[in-house]
């Protein structure tokens, strides 16, 4: 998944067409050539919003249904599109960044939903060192915070600081307010 995100981000940055095998909900598969316009994280699932050259319209593709993706040499001029299409309320224009985590091996299976195992290394102290893609949004921070003391962001510093601020705000709800 992380490799696919990085490749799509590269294609987005370079305005290059991507080609992939896509499987629909009805289990119908076909090759698609798409002008990628946006990556979307919604409800812990990644989506590609792009202009499908076959359908001649904007479509949304769930990343886990994309296989054999290639970035083509063919470049395109970005098209205008409506961000409200398909009723997504949380389209994001945020850039994907890489973060580094120290995690309890007990949450490894959950982390595998977001990054490949090759991005995880078991350290001598028993913790997992993890490199993963991250979008700086409420959903992104909520995703990390759900692991409580089983996961610590160690880099980059601004993500670590924002997590600490959010944790302090949550702590204040319980320590500073009386019911």
Foldseek 3Di string as FASTA:
>chain_A
DQVVLVVLLVCQVQQFWKWWWFADPVRDIDIWIWRFHAWAQDPNWIWTWTQTPVVRGIDIGTVVRTPDMDTDPDHDDDDDDDPCPPNDPGTDPFDKDKWKKWFQVVCVVVCCSFDPPVQWDQDPVRTIIGIGIAGPDPVRLVVQCVRPPRMATDDDPVSNVVNVVVVVVVVCVVPVDDD
